[in-house]
Amino acid sequence: EFQLKESNGGSVQAGGSLRLSCSASAYDAYDFSDYCLGWFSDIPGQERETVATVDVGFVTRYEESVEGRFTISRDNAENIVYLQMDSMKVEDTATYFCAAEPGWCSWMWESFTSWGRGAPVFVSS
């Protein structure tokens, strides 16, 4: 079993910041450090978007719309992946999911095998 749980979603005014965290527990034969980790955004009626990933070598990749504003990081010792969201925009309003993919990152959400239940984020004007 490999379980993920997001924390620290909520509401923030445009221009403000939030720091999401995602903790892993009871994972399978793979070590946490052997997984690509990602954050994804869901908006009803729209396609799921990959927001950011961090690979097993700590290399990060970002969706163009968040690059320069969001930062993904991982703490392998604590089995946590973070998403620091700065300079937030109303358009960032979404439910954010963390997920894990064995091995190297694919950037495709379909390849991620373990998912949290989501953390709603609302950005007001």
C-alpha atoms as a PDB file:
ATOM      1  CA  GLU A   1       0.000   0.000   0.000  1.00  0.00           C
ATOM      2  CA  PHE A   2       1.103   3.513  -0.812  1.00  0.00           C
ATOM      3  CA  GLN A   3      -1.055   6.269   0.638  1.00  0.00           C
ATOM      4  CA  LEU A   4      -0.798  10.029   0.192  1.00  0.00           C
ATOM      5  CA  LYS A   5      -2.603  12.780   2.046  1.00  0.00           C
ATOM      6  CA  GLU A   6      -2.588  16.483   1.245  1.00  0.00           C
ATOM      7  CA  SER A   7      -2.679  19.135   3.944  1.00  0.00           C
ATOM      8  CA  ASN A   8      -2.911  22.914   4.278  1.00  0.00           C
ATOM      9  CA  GLY A   9      -5.241  23.795   1.470  1.00  0.00           C
ATOM     10  CA  GLY A  10      -7.544  26.706   2.055  1.00  0.00           C
ATOM     11  CA  SER A  11      -8.395  30.230   1.015  1.00  0.00           C
ATOM     12  CA  VAL A  12      -6.049  33.062   0.189  1.00  0.00           C
ATOM     13  CA  GLN A  13      -6.291  36.461  -1.428  1.00  0.00           C
ATOM     14  CA  ALA A  14      -4.745  37.087  -4.804  1.00  0.00           C
ATOM     15  CA  GLY A  15      -1.095  37.908  -4.383  1.00  0.00           C
ATOM     16  CA  GLY A  16      -0.824  35.801  -1.255  1.00  0.00           C
ATOM     17  CA  SER A  17       0.811  32.459  -0.597  1.00  0.00           C
ATOM     18  CA  LEU A  18      -0.019  28.934   0.464  1.00  0.00           C
ATOM     19  CA  ARG A  19       2.200  25.966   1.165  1.00  0.00           C
ATOM     20  CA  LEU A  20       0.630  22.594   0.472  1.00  0.00           C
ATOM     21  CA  SER A  21       2.129  19.464   1.912  1.00  0.00           C
ATOM     22  CA  CYS A  22       1.588  15.827   1.080  1.00  0.00           C
ATOM     23  CA  SER A  23       2.651  13.030   3.382  1.00  0.00           C
ATOM     24  CA  ALA A  24       3.206   9.447   2.298  1.00  0.00           C
ATOM     25  CA  SER A  25       2.674   6.423   4.474  1.00  0.00           C
ATOM     26  CA  ALA A  26       2.458   2.652   4.233  1.00  0.00           C
ATOM     27  CA  TYR A  27       4.110   2.606   0.833  1.00  0.00           C
ATOM     28  CA  ASP A  28       5.053  -0.553  -1.015  1.00  0.00           C
ATOM     29  CA  ALA A  29       8.378  -2.141  -1.912  1.00  0.00           C
ATOM     30  CA  TYR A  30       9.580   1.102  -3.508  1.00  0.00           C
ATOM     31  CA  ASP A  31      11.176   3.624  -1.224  1.00  0.00           C
ATOM     32  CA  PHE A  32       9.713   7.119  -1.254  1.00  0.00           C
ATOM     33  CA  SER A  33      12.961   8.315  -2.788  1.00  0.00           C
ATOM     34  CA  ASP A  34      12.403   6.021  -5.800  1.00  0.00           C
ATOM     35  CA  TYR A  35       9.214   7.826  -6.898  1.00  0.00           C
ATOM     36  CA  CYS A  36       8.552  10.790  -9.076  1.00  0.00           C
ATOM     37  CA  LEU A  37       6.275  13.151  -7.169  1.00  0.00           C
ATOM     38  CA  GLY A  38       3.812  15.576  -8.662  1.00  0.00           C
ATOM     39  CA  TRP A  39       1.097  18.103  -7.990  1.00  0.00           C
ATOM     40  CA  PHE A  40      -1.980  18.298 -10.195  1.00  0.00           C
ATOM     41  CA  SER A  41      -4.936  20.641 -10.408  1.00  0.00           C
ATOM     42  CA  ASP A  42      -8.557  19.771 -11.064  1.00  0.00           C
ATOM     43  CA  ILE A  43     -11.287  22.217 -12.000  1.00  0.00           C
ATOM     44  CA  PRO A  44     -14.788  20.875 -12.669  1.00  0.00           C
ATOM     45  CA  GLY A  45     -15.426  20.664 -16.375  1.00  0.00           C
ATOM     46  CA  GLN A  46     -11.767  21.026 -17.282  1.00  0.00           C
ATOM     47  CA  GLU A  47      -8.964  18.583 -17.930  1.00  0.00           C
ATOM     48  CA  ARG A  48      -6.612  17.678 -15.149  1.00  0.00           C
ATOM     49  CA  GLU A  49      -3.384  19.630 -15.389  1.00  0.00           C
ATOM     50  CA  THR A  50       0.063  18.722 -14.246  1.00  0.00           C
ATOM     51  CA  VAL A  51       1.283  21.626 -12.139  1.00  0.00           C
ATOM     52  CA  ALA A  52       4.745  20.499 -11.118  1.00  0.00           C
ATOM     53  CA  THR A  53       6.895  17.424 -10.713  1.00  0.00           C
ATOM     54  CA  VAL A  54      10.098  16.631  -8.903  1.00  0.00           C
ATOM     55  CA  ASP A  55      12.009  13.568  -9.982  1.00  0.00           C
ATOM     56  CA  VAL A  56      14.180  11.114  -8.115  1.00  0.00           C
ATOM     57  CA  GLY A  57      17.204  13.320  -8.794  1.00  0.00           C
ATOM     58  CA  PHE A  58      15.457  16.424  -7.396  1.00  0.00           C
ATOM     59  CA  VAL A  59      15.005  17.950 -10.848  1.00  0.00           C
ATOM     60  CA  THR A  60      11.816  19.991 -11.079  1.00  0.00           C
ATOM     61  CA  ARG A  61       9.461  20.828 -13.919  1.00  0.00           C
ATOM     62  CA  TYR A  62       6.573  23.292 -13.967  1.00  0.00           C
ATOM     63  CA  GLU A  63       3.522  24.121 -15.989  1.00  0.00           C
ATOM     64  CA  GLU A  64       4.155  27.375 -17.811  1.00  0.00           C
ATOM     65  CA  SER A  65       1.366  29.198 -15.996  1.00  0.00           C
ATOM     66  CA  VAL A  66       2.941  28.636 -12.571  1.00  0.00           C
ATOM     67  CA  GLU A  67       6.636  28.794 -13.388  1.00  0.00           C
ATOM     68  CA  GLY A  68       8.316  31.450 -11.314  1.00  0.00           C
ATOM     69  CA  ARG A  69       5.487  31.455  -8.775  1.00  0.00           C
ATOM     70  CA  PHE A  70       5.252  27.866  -7.521  1.00  0.00           C
ATOM     71  CA  THR A  71       8.000  25.680  -6.114  1.00  0.00           C
ATOM     72  CA  ILE A  72       7.836  21.926  -5.637  1.00  0.00           C
ATOM     73  CA  SER A  73      10.207  20.253  -3.216  1.00  0.00           C
ATOM     74  CA  ARG A  74      10.584  16.913  -1.508  1.00  0.00           C
ATOM     75  CA  ASP A  75      11.868  15.734   1.831  1.00  0.00           C
ATOM     76  CA  ASN A  76      12.769  12.091   1.449  1.00  0.00           C
ATOM     77  CA  ALA A  77      13.680  11.722   5.107  1.00  0.00           C
ATOM     78  CA  GLU A  78      10.153  12.716   6.129  1.00  0.00           C
ATOM     79  CA  ASN A  79       8.298  11.278   3.104  1.00  0.00           C
ATOM     80  CA  ILE A  80       6.763  14.648   2.262  1.00  0.00           C
ATOM     81  CA  VAL A  81       6.366  16.614  -0.945  1.00  0.00           C
ATOM     82  CA  TYR A  82       5.548  20.316  -0.796  1.00  0.00           C
ATOM     83  CA  LEU A  83       4.080  22.860  -3.154  1.00  0.00           C
ATOM     84  CA  GLN A  84       4.914  26.430  -2.250  1.00  0.00           C
ATOM     85  CA  MET A  85       2.498  28.741  -4.063  1.00  0.00           C
ATOM     86  CA  ASP A  86       3.411  32.409  -4.186  1.00  0.00           C
ATOM     87  CA  SER A  87       1.888  35.374  -6.006  1.00  0.00           C
ATOM     88  CA  MET A  88      -1.326  33.431  -6.302  1.00  0.00           C
ATOM     89  CA  LYS A  89      -3.932  34.332  -8.880  1.00  0.00           C
ATOM     90  CA  VAL A  90      -7.660  33.796  -8.994  1.00  0.00           C
ATOM     91  CA  GLU A  91      -7.004  31.393 -11.866  1.00  0.00           C
ATOM     92  CA  ASP A  92      -5.101  29.133  -9.450  1.00  0.00           C
ATOM     93  CA  THR A  93      -8.367  28.213  -7.744  1.00  0.00           C
ATOM     94  CA  ALA A  94      -8.659  24.433  -7.983  1.00  0.00           C
ATOM     95  CA  THR A  95      -8.453  21.207  -6.075  1.00  0.00           C
ATOM     96  CA  TYR A  96      -4.820  20.176  -5.846  1.00  0.00           C
ATOM     97  CA  PHE A  97      -3.768  16.549  -5.738  1.00  0.00           C
ATOM     98  CA  CYS A  98      -0.402  15.061  -4.990  1.00  0.00           C
ATOM     99  CA  ALA A  99       0.588  11.835  -6.671  1.00  0.00           C
ATOM    100  CA  ALA A 100       3.492   9.452  -7.024  1.00  0.00           C
ATOM    101  CA  GLU A 101       4.851   7.548 -10.007  1.00  0.00           C
ATOM    102  CA  PRO A 102       7.408   4.757  -9.733  1.00  0.00           C
ATOM    103  CA  GLY A 103      10.737   5.747 -11.163  1.00  0.00           C
ATOM    104  CA  TRP A 104      11.305   8.731 -13.431  1.00  0.00           C
ATOM    105  CA  CYS A 105       8.650  11.340 -14.175  1.00  0.00           C
ATOM    106  CA  SER A 106       6.427  10.985 -17.227  1.00  0.00           C
ATOM    107  CA  TRP A 107       4.550  14.332 -16.875  1.00  0.00           C
ATOM    108  CA  MET A 108       1.379  12.389 -17.686  1.00  0.00           C
ATOM    109  CA  TRP A 109      -1.100  12.061 -14.857  1.00  0.00           C
ATOM    110  CA  GLU A 110      -2.237   8.701 -16.217  1.00  0.00           C
ATOM    111  CA  SER A 111       1.151   7.256 -15.281  1.00  0.00           C
ATOM    112  CA  PHE A 112       0.898   8.167 -11.609  1.00  0.00           C
ATOM    113  CA  THR A 113      -0.239   5.246  -9.518  1.00  0.00           C
ATOM    114  CA  SER A 114      -0.794   6.661  -6.028  1.00  0.00           C
ATOM    115  CA  TRP A 115      -3.000   9.665  -5.322  1.00  0.00           C
ATOM    116  CA  GLY A 116      -4.138  11.764  -2.437  1.00  0.00           C
ATOM    117  CA  ARG A 117      -7.760  12.791  -2.052  1.00  0.00           C
ATOM    118  CA  GLY A 118      -7.193  16.429  -2.924  1.00  0.00           C
ATOM    119  CA  ALA A 119      -6.894  19.772  -1.173  1.00  0.00           C
ATOM    120  CA  PRO A 120      -9.263  22.558  -2.254  1.00  0.00           C
ATOM    121  CA  VAL A 121      -7.619  25.920  -2.820  1.00  0.00           C
ATOM    122  CA  PHE A 122      -9.620  29.087  -3.355  1.00  0.00           C
ATOM    123  CA  VAL A 123      -8.041  32.360  -4.393  1.00  0.00           C
ATOM    124  CA  SER A 124     -10.163  35.461  -3.997  1.00  0.00           C
ATOM    125  CA  SER A 125      -9.700  38.776  -5.745  1.00  0.00           C
END
